[in-house]
Amino acid sequence: MAEESDQERTEAPSPQRLEKAREDGQVPQSRELATFVVLMAGGSALWMMASYLGTRMSGIMRGGLSFDPSVARDGDIALTRLASLFLDAALALAPFLLLVAIAAMASPLLLRGWMFSTKAVTPDFKRLNPLTGFKRILSSQGLIELVKSIAKVGLLGSIAVWLIWSNLDAIFALSLENQDEAVAHMGDLVGRVFLLATGAMIFIVVIDLPYQLWSYYNKLKMTKEQLRQEAKESEGDPHLKARIRAQQREMARRRMMSEVPTADVVVTNPTHYAVALKYTEGKMGAPRVVAKGADAVAAKIRELAAEHRVPLLEAPPLARALFRHTELGNEIPAKLYAAVAEVLAYVFQLRHYQQVGGAYPQAPVDLPVPPELDPATQSA
């Protein structure tokens, strides 16, 4: 049962899967939304430019149908005249076509943003398989598209017929107007009817858009096993990462141990903790922690310190505070300056005794360690 649940697509697609799908050209898309935007832009432009287009196109048509004897006698003049008429018509329609082209390019921004993928346009001969095509047509997706097409045609057709019927008097009245007025009014009427009919598509878009988003994310759902495999590929094998971290810790521990022989003193707990301190006058603002550890690591630090004749000082509160509140390579906290200063003074006196002789220095006791820095005091 657990294996079956791991193979069911119940998990939401990961960001990596969504990005890969986008690179493959698989993005959420709604044809109805793109069609609605383009038709609304075209209808709006047609309605606003109806008078201008009507006047320009009627003028071009009158010029093209007017008889000129010179054109009839010379073919080159006729071709030049025809090219000029086509250029005038193109310039007249250019603003309208430009608005429609901008709407077509901007419509993807409403859902997925612009995208260019070579994989989406790469030839795939599997799509030429007629069996695959029939399966796609007879699939649930194909049936849904068929129902949408029938509903769209029925809705738009009904609204267009109703709009034309309700404006029938205005259409018949065009025959009573002069040519220029009739052309301008006809363009305005066609644009308005087209715009209102297209506006009805908003109902189809409102239904289609959530469905397309749901269908897209549902197809990209992943199994639990796929999520685990993706995590391994993106973040690495957990076992391998654990071994790498162990090796890194071992390397860091070796580097830390190599600093113990250069330390000035090792403060101990005496058995649980060990912290090695070093201070170089003129080069350091305050003593630094060059090594620290607990239990077995602390024992190794004490062993190295004894081997290299680094002084050991038993000061449990200070050792606990240094272990808890310092990091390797960092200076000690300012609140521990007084306690560490007494320790270093003892170390320097001990060195003087070893070199010159004299009275053996007294190890410091009751070091001034603030209670809030001692973990034992806090736990108590």
Protein backbone atom coordinates (compact mmCIF):
# COMPACT_ATOMS: atom_id res chain seq x y z
CA MET A 1 0.00 0.00 0.00
CA ALA A 2 2.87 2.38 0.80
CA GLU A 3 4.50 1.67 -2.57
CA GLU A 4 1.22 2.34 -4.39
CA SER A 5 0.76 5.68 -2.56
CA ASP A 6 4.32 6.66 -3.46
CA GLN A 7 3.51 6.15 -7.16
CA GLU A 8 0.32 8.23 -7.14
CA ARG A 9 0.58 11.80 -8.42
CA THR A 10 -0.63 13.53 -5.29
CA GLU A 11 2.08 16.14 -4.71
CA ALA A 12 2.10 19.68 -6.11
CA PRO A 13 4.77 20.28 -8.77
CA SER A 14 8.07 21.56 -7.44
CA PRO A 15 9.69 24.80 -8.68
CA GLN A 16 12.28 22.71 -10.54
CA ARG A 17 9.58 20.75 -12.37
CA LEU A 18 7.71 23.93 -13.29
CA GLU A 19 10.92 25.51 -14.59
CA LYS A 20 11.76 22.42 -16.68
CA ALA A 21 8.24 22.36 -18.11
CA ARG A 22 8.61 26.02 -19.06
CA GLU A 23 11.92 25.29 -20.78
CA ASP A 24 10.15 22.53 -22.73
CA GLY A 25 7.47 24.98 -23.84
CA GLN A 26 4.80 23.62 -21.49
CA VAL A 27 3.08 26.62 -19.95
CA PRO A 28 -0.49 27.38 -18.88
CA GLN A 29 -2.36 28.87 -21.80
CA SER A 30 -5.92 29.82 -22.59
CA ARG A 31 -6.86 30.25 -26.22
CA GLU A 32 -10.08 31.87 -25.15
CA LEU A 33 -8.21 34.57 -23.22
CA ALA A 34 -5.88 35.32 -26.14
CA THR A 35 -8.80 35.38 -28.59
CA PHE A 36 -10.79 37.65 -26.30
CA VAL A 37 -7.93 40.15 -25.92
CA VAL A 38 -7.23 40.28 -29.67
CA LEU A 39 -10.90 40.59 -30.64
CA MET A 40 -11.57 43.23 -28.00
CA ALA A 41 -8.57 45.24 -29.20
CA GLY A 42 -9.68 44.86 -32.81
CA GLY A 43 -13.29 45.73 -32.02
CA SER A 44 -12.30 48.78 -29.99
CA ALA A 45 -9.95 49.99 -32.72
CA LEU A 46 -12.60 49.39 -35.38
CA TRP A 47 -15.22 51.29 -33.39
CA MET A 48 -12.94 54.27 -32.67
CA MET A 49 -11.52 54.43 -36.21
CA ALA A 50 -14.75 53.65 -38.06
CA SER A 51 -15.25 57.16 -39.43
CA TYR A 52 -11.59 57.54 -40.42
CA LEU A 53 -11.38 54.10 -42.07
CA GLY A 54 -14.67 54.58 -43.87
CA THR A 55 -13.63 57.94 -45.32
CA ARG A 56 -10.16 56.73 -46.34
CA MET A 57 -11.30 53.45 -47.87
CA SER A 58 -14.19 55.03 -49.76
CA GLY A 59 -11.79 57.63 -51.17
CA ILE A 60 -9.38 54.90 -52.23
CA MET A 61 -12.21 52.96 -53.83
CA ARG A 62 -13.49 56.03 -55.76
CA GLY A 63 -9.96 56.72 -56.97
CA GLY A 64 -9.53 53.14 -58.09
CA LEU A 65 -12.84 53.01 -59.95
CA SER A 66 -12.53 56.41 -61.64
CA PHE A 67 -11.73 56.21 -65.35
CA ASP A 68 -8.51 57.75 -66.61
CA PRO A 69 -7.77 57.37 -70.36
CA SER A 70 -4.00 57.52 -69.76
CA VAL A 71 -4.20 54.53 -67.42
CA ALA A 72 -6.19 52.54 -69.97
CA ARG A 73 -3.56 53.11 -72.69
CA ASP A 74 -0.38 52.43 -70.65
CA GLY A 75 0.11 49.27 -68.58
CA ASP A 76 3.03 50.71 -66.61
CA ILE A 77 0.91 53.64 -65.47
CA ALA A 78 -1.87 51.21 -64.49
CA LEU A 79 0.53 49.14 -62.36
CA THR A 80 1.95 52.26 -60.72
CA ARG A 81 -1.58 53.48 -60.00
CA LEU A 82 -2.54 50.10 -58.54
CA ALA A 83 0.57 50.02 -56.34
CA SER A 84 -0.21 53.52 -55.10
CA LEU A 85 -3.77 52.47 -54.18
CA PHE A 86 -2.50 49.41 -52.31
CA LEU A 87 0.00 51.59 -50.42
CA ASP A 88 -2.73 54.05 -49.45
CA ALA A 89 -4.94 51.19 -48.24
CA ALA A 90 -2.05 49.71 -46.23
CA LEU A 91 -1.28 53.06 -44.60
CA ALA A 92 -4.97 53.55 -43.78
CA LEU A 93 -5.20 50.11 -42.15
CA ALA A 94 -1.74 50.29 -40.46
CA PRO A 95 -2.94 51.81 -37.11
CA PHE A 96 -5.72 49.21 -36.85
CA LEU A 97 -3.39 46.30 -37.68
CA LEU A 98 -0.71 47.65 -35.31
CA LEU A 99 -3.13 47.72 -32.37
CA VAL A 100 -4.24 44.16 -33.12
CA ALA A 101 -0.60 42.99 -33.38
CA ILE A 102 0.28 44.63 -30.05
CA ALA A 103 -2.72 42.95 -28.41
CA ALA A 104 -1.65 39.57 -29.82
CA MET A 105 1.90 39.97 -28.47
CA ALA A 106 0.76 41.33 -25.10
CA SER A 107 -1.91 38.70 -24.39
CA PRO A 108 0.62 36.09 -23.08
CA LEU A 109 1.66 38.57 -20.36
CA LEU A 110 -1.75 38.17 -18.73
CA LEU A 111 -1.14 34.52 -17.94
CA ARG A 112 2.45 33.31 -18.35
CA GLY A 113 4.68 36.09 -19.69
CA TRP A 114 6.69 35.94 -22.87
CA MET A 115 8.52 32.72 -23.52
CA PHE A 116 10.75 31.38 -26.26
CA SER A 117 11.58 27.69 -26.30
CA THR A 118 13.33 25.87 -29.12
CA LYS A 119 11.94 22.56 -27.83
CA ALA A 120 8.41 23.76 -28.47
CA VAL A 121 9.13 24.28 -32.18
CA THR A 122 11.38 21.25 -32.67
CA PRO A 123 9.81 18.78 -35.15
CA ASP A 124 8.25 15.80 -33.41
CA PHE A 125 7.25 13.09 -35.86
CA LYS A 126 5.33 11.25 -33.15
CA ARG A 127 2.64 13.90 -33.55
CA LEU A 128 2.05 12.65 -37.11
CA ASN A 129 0.81 9.32 -35.79
CA PRO A 130 -2.93 9.20 -36.68
CA LEU A 131 -3.69 6.92 -33.72
CA THR A 132 -2.26 9.49 -31.33
CA GLY A 133 -4.34 12.16 -33.02
CA PHE A 134 -7.54 10.14 -32.67
CA LYS A 135 -6.77 9.46 -29.01
CA ARG A 136 -6.26 13.15 -28.44
CA ILE A 137 -9.53 14.01 -30.18
CA LEU A 138 -11.47 11.39 -28.25
CA SER A 139 -9.84 12.21 -24.91
CA SER A 140 -11.56 14.13 -22.13
CA GLN A 141 -9.57 17.21 -23.10
CA GLY A 142 -10.76 16.93 -26.70
CA LEU A 143 -14.38 16.56 -25.61
CA ILE A 144 -14.06 19.61 -23.36
CA GLU A 145 -12.64 21.64 -26.24
CA LEU A 146 -15.52 20.48 -28.47
CA VAL A 147 -18.09 21.53 -25.88
CA LYS A 148 -16.36 24.90 -25.49
CA SER A 149 -16.34 25.48 -29.25
CA ILE A 150 -20.04 24.66 -29.57
CA ALA A 151 -20.90 26.89 -26.60
CA LYS A 152 -18.75 29.71 -27.96
CA VAL A 153 -20.27 29.58 -31.43
CA GLY A 154 -23.76 29.35 -30.01
CA LEU A 155 -23.27 32.21 -27.56
CA LEU A 156 -21.56 34.58 -29.97
CA GLY A 157 -23.94 33.71 -32.80
CA SER A 158 -27.00 34.32 -30.65
CA ILE A 159 -25.68 37.65 -29.36
CA ALA A 160 -24.64 38.77 -32.87
CA VAL A 161 -28.07 37.94 -34.29
CA TRP A 162 -29.76 39.76 -31.40
CA LEU A 163 -27.58 42.84 -31.84
CA ILE A 164 -28.17 42.97 -35.59
CA TRP A 165 -31.92 42.49 -35.11
CA SER A 166 -32.08 45.25 -32.50
CA ASN A 167 -30.21 47.61 -34.86
CA LEU A 168 -32.18 46.67 -37.95
CA ASP A 169 -33.78 50.13 -38.24
CA ALA A 170 -30.35 51.79 -38.15
CA ILE A 171 -29.11 49.41 -40.86
CA PHE A 172 -32.05 50.23 -43.17
CA ALA A 173 -31.59 53.95 -42.47
CA LEU A 174 -28.14 53.81 -44.07
CA SER A 175 -29.78 53.72 -47.52
CA LEU A 176 -31.31 57.17 -46.89
CA GLU A 177 -27.96 58.86 -46.10
CA ASN A 178 -25.38 60.16 -48.52
CA GLN A 179 -22.35 58.04 -49.30
CA ASP A 180 -19.84 59.53 -46.84
CA GLU A 181 -22.27 59.55 -43.93
CA ALA A 182 -23.50 56.05 -44.71
CA VAL A 183 -19.96 54.64 -44.80
CA ALA A 184 -19.04 56.31 -41.50
CA HIS A 185 -22.25 55.19 -39.79
CA MET A 186 -21.90 51.66 -41.14
CA GLY A 187 -18.33 51.40 -39.79
CA ASP A 188 -19.46 52.68 -36.40
CA LEU A 189 -22.36 50.23 -36.35
CA VAL A 190 -20.21 47.25 -37.35
CA GLY A 191 -17.57 48.14 -34.75
CA ARG A 192 -20.14 48.51 -31.98
CA VAL A 193 -21.88 45.23 -32.82
CA PHE A 194 -18.50 43.46 -33.08
CA LEU A 195 -17.33 44.91 -29.77
CA LEU A 196 -20.49 43.96 -27.89
CA ALA A 197 -20.52 40.45 -29.34
CA THR A 198 -16.87 39.95 -28.43
CA GLY A 199 -17.51 41.28 -24.90
CA ALA A 200 -19.82 38.34 -24.33
CA MET A 201 -16.75 36.08 -24.52
CA ILE A 202 -15.79 37.22 -21.03
CA PHE A 203 -18.17 34.56 -19.66
CA ILE A 204 -16.27 31.87 -21.56
CA VAL A 205 -12.90 33.26 -20.40
CA VAL A 206 -14.01 33.30 -16.74
CA ILE A 207 -14.87 29.60 -16.99
CA ASP A 208 -11.95 28.53 -19.19
CA LEU A 209 -9.08 30.31 -17.40
CA PRO A 210 -9.39 28.57 -13.97
CA TYR A 211 -9.88 25.23 -15.73
CA GLN A 212 -6.72 25.66 -17.84
CA LEU A 213 -4.67 26.56 -14.76
CA TRP A 214 -6.05 23.58 -12.84
CA SER A 215 -5.44 21.25 -15.80
CA TYR A 216 -1.87 22.49 -16.25
CA TYR A 217 -0.83 22.03 -12.61
CA ASN A 218 -2.72 18.74 -12.38
CA LYS A 219 -0.72 17.31 -15.31
CA LEU A 220 2.54 18.31 -13.64
CA LYS A 221 1.72 16.76 -10.26
CA MET A 222 4.45 14.52 -8.89
CA THR A 223 4.67 11.31 -6.93
CA LYS A 224 6.40 11.21 -3.56
CA GLU A 225 9.14 9.10 -5.12
CA GLN A 226 9.73 11.76 -7.79
CA LEU A 227 10.02 14.42 -5.09
CA ARG A 228 12.58 12.34 -3.22
CA GLN A 229 14.57 11.68 -6.39
CA GLU A 230 14.51 15.36 -7.32
CA ALA A 231 15.73 16.31 -3.85
CA LYS A 232 18.63 13.87 -4.25
CA GLU A 233 19.55 15.28 -7.65
CA SER A 234 19.30 18.92 -6.62
CA GLU A 235 20.68 18.75 -3.08
CA GLY A 236 22.75 15.58 -3.29
CA ASP A 237 22.50 12.17 -1.65
CA PRO A 238 21.89 12.64 2.12
CA HIS A 239 24.37 9.86 2.94
CA LEU A 240 27.01 11.42 0.71
CA LYS A 241 26.35 14.86 2.22
CA ALA A 242 26.70 13.37 5.71
CA ARG A 243 30.07 11.83 4.78
CA ILE A 244 31.23 15.14 3.30
CA ARG A 245 30.20 17.01 6.45
CA ALA A 246 32.01 14.43 8.58
CA GLN A 247 35.16 14.86 6.50
CA GLN A 248 34.87 18.64 6.76
CA ARG A 249 34.52 18.41 10.53
CA GLU A 250 37.55 16.13 10.68
CA MET A 251 39.62 18.54 8.58
CA ALA A 252 38.52 21.47 10.74
CA ARG A 253 39.40 19.50 13.88
CA ARG A 254 42.87 18.72 12.50
CA ARG A 255 43.45 22.39 11.66
CA MET A 256 42.28 23.33 15.15
CA MET A 257 44.57 20.76 16.77
CA SER A 258 47.53 22.12 14.82
CA GLU A 259 46.99 25.45 16.60
CA VAL A 260 47.18 23.98 20.12
CA PRO A 261 51.04 23.86 20.27
CA THR A 262 51.15 27.62 19.50
CA ALA A 263 48.68 28.56 22.26
CA ASP A 264 49.70 30.47 25.37
CA VAL A 265 47.43 28.57 27.76
CA VAL A 266 44.69 25.92 27.82
CA VAL A 267 41.84 26.55 30.26
CA THR A 268 40.10 23.35 31.40
CA ASN A 269 36.95 22.34 33.26
CA PRO A 270 39.02 20.13 34.14
CA THR A 271 37.72 17.15 32.10
CA HIS A 272 34.62 18.18 30.17
CA TYR A 273 35.90 21.31 28.40
CA ALA A 274 39.21 22.65 27.16
CA VAL A 275 39.80 26.03 25.49
CA ALA A 276 43.16 27.11 24.07
CA LEU A 277 43.94 30.86 24.09
CA LYS A 278 46.60 32.85 22.30
CA TYR A 279 47.60 36.50 22.58
CA THR A 280 50.25 38.39 20.57
CA GLU A 281 50.80 41.91 21.83
CA GLY A 282 50.64 44.52 19.05
CA LYS A 283 48.96 42.12 16.62
CA MET A 284 45.77 41.24 18.48
CA GLY A 285 43.29 43.53 20.13
CA ALA A 286 42.37 40.81 22.62
CA PRO A 287 43.20 37.13 23.20
CA ARG A 288 41.80 34.75 20.61
CA VAL A 289 40.40 31.23 20.89
CA VAL A 290 42.54 28.94 18.72
CA ALA A 291 41.02 25.61 19.82
CA LYS A 292 38.17 24.35 21.93
CA GLY A 293 36.37 21.10 22.52
CA ALA A 294 34.36 18.94 24.86
CA ASP A 295 34.88 15.42 26.23
CA ALA A 296 37.11 13.43 23.80
CA VAL A 297 38.18 16.54 21.86
CA ALA A 298 38.97 18.29 25.14
CA ALA A 299 41.08 15.31 26.20
CA LYS A 300 43.01 15.48 22.91
CA ILE A 301 43.62 19.23 23.39
CA ARG A 302 44.96 18.61 26.91
CA GLU A 303 47.18 15.81 25.60
CA LEU A 304 48.66 18.01 22.85
CA ALA A 305 49.12 20.89 25.30
CA ALA A 306 51.01 18.66 27.74
CA GLU A 307 53.11 17.22 24.91
CA HIS A 308 54.18 20.70 23.74
CA ARG A 309 54.49 22.10 27.25
CA VAL A 310 51.60 24.53 26.91
CA PRO A 311 50.41 25.57 30.41
CA LEU A 312 47.15 24.03 31.60
CA LEU A 313 44.99 25.98 34.03
CA GLU A 314 42.00 24.47 35.77
CA ALA A 315 39.28 27.15 35.88
CA PRO A 316 35.84 25.54 35.39
CA PRO A 317 33.65 28.70 35.24
CA LEU A 318 35.97 30.40 32.77
CA ALA A 319 36.33 27.24 30.65
CA ARG A 320 32.54 26.84 30.46
CA ALA A 321 32.03 30.53 29.58
CA LEU A 322 34.71 30.49 26.89
CA PHE A 323 33.39 27.26 25.38
CA ARG A 324 29.81 28.55 25.24
CA HIS A 325 30.33 32.17 24.16
CA THR A 326 33.28 32.12 21.76
CA GLU A 327 33.97 30.83 18.26
CA LEU A 328 37.22 29.53 16.81
CA GLY A 329 39.46 32.35 15.64
CA ASN A 330 37.41 35.05 17.38
CA GLU A 331 38.45 37.31 20.21
CA ILE A 332 37.08 36.63 23.67
CA PRO A 333 34.04 38.62 24.89
CA ALA A 334 34.80 41.94 26.58
CA LYS A 335 33.14 40.72 29.80
CA LEU A 336 35.85 38.06 30.14
CA TYR A 337 38.80 40.43 29.67
CA ALA A 338 39.49 40.73 33.43
CA ALA A 339 39.41 36.95 34.04
CA VAL A 340 41.60 36.14 31.00
CA ALA A 341 44.02 38.96 31.94
CA GLU A 342 44.66 37.24 35.30
CA VAL A 343 45.21 33.95 33.47
CA LEU A 344 47.71 35.47 31.02
CA ALA A 345 49.52 37.27 33.86
CA TYR A 346 49.93 33.89 35.57
CA VAL A 347 51.24 32.37 32.31
CA PHE A 348 53.81 35.13 31.81
CA GLN A 349 54.94 34.75 35.44
CA LEU A 350 55.23 31.01 34.90
CA ARG A 351 57.43 31.54 31.84
CA HIS A 352 59.63 33.93 33.80
CA TYR A 353 59.98 31.33 36.56
CA GLN A 354 60.91 28.63 34.03
CA GLN A 355 63.53 30.88 32.39
CA VAL A 356 64.98 32.76 35.36
CA GLY A 357 63.76 30.92 38.45
CA GLY A 358 62.64 32.46 41.69
CA ALA A 359 59.35 32.01 43.49
CA TYR A 360 56.84 29.71 41.80
CA PRO A 361 53.76 31.80 40.74
CA GLN A 362 50.45 31.18 42.41
CA ALA A 363 47.70 29.98 40.07
CA PRO A 364 44.71 32.37 40.06
CA VAL A 365 41.51 31.30 41.79
CA ASP A 366 37.99 32.77 41.88
CA LEU A 367 38.36 34.43 38.50
CA PRO A 368 35.84 37.24 37.87
CA VAL A 369 33.51 35.41 35.44
CA PRO A 370 30.08 37.11 35.12
CA PRO A 371 27.35 34.69 36.27
CA GLU A 372 25.29 35.30 33.10
CA LEU A 373 28.14 33.86 31.00
CA ASP A 374 28.54 30.66 33.02
CA PRO A 375 26.14 27.95 31.74
CA ALA A 376 26.32 26.13 35.09
CA THR A 377 25.08 29.23 36.92
CA GLN A 378 22.24 29.73 34.42
CA SER A 379 21.06 26.12 34.63
CA ALA A 380 21.10 26.33 38.42
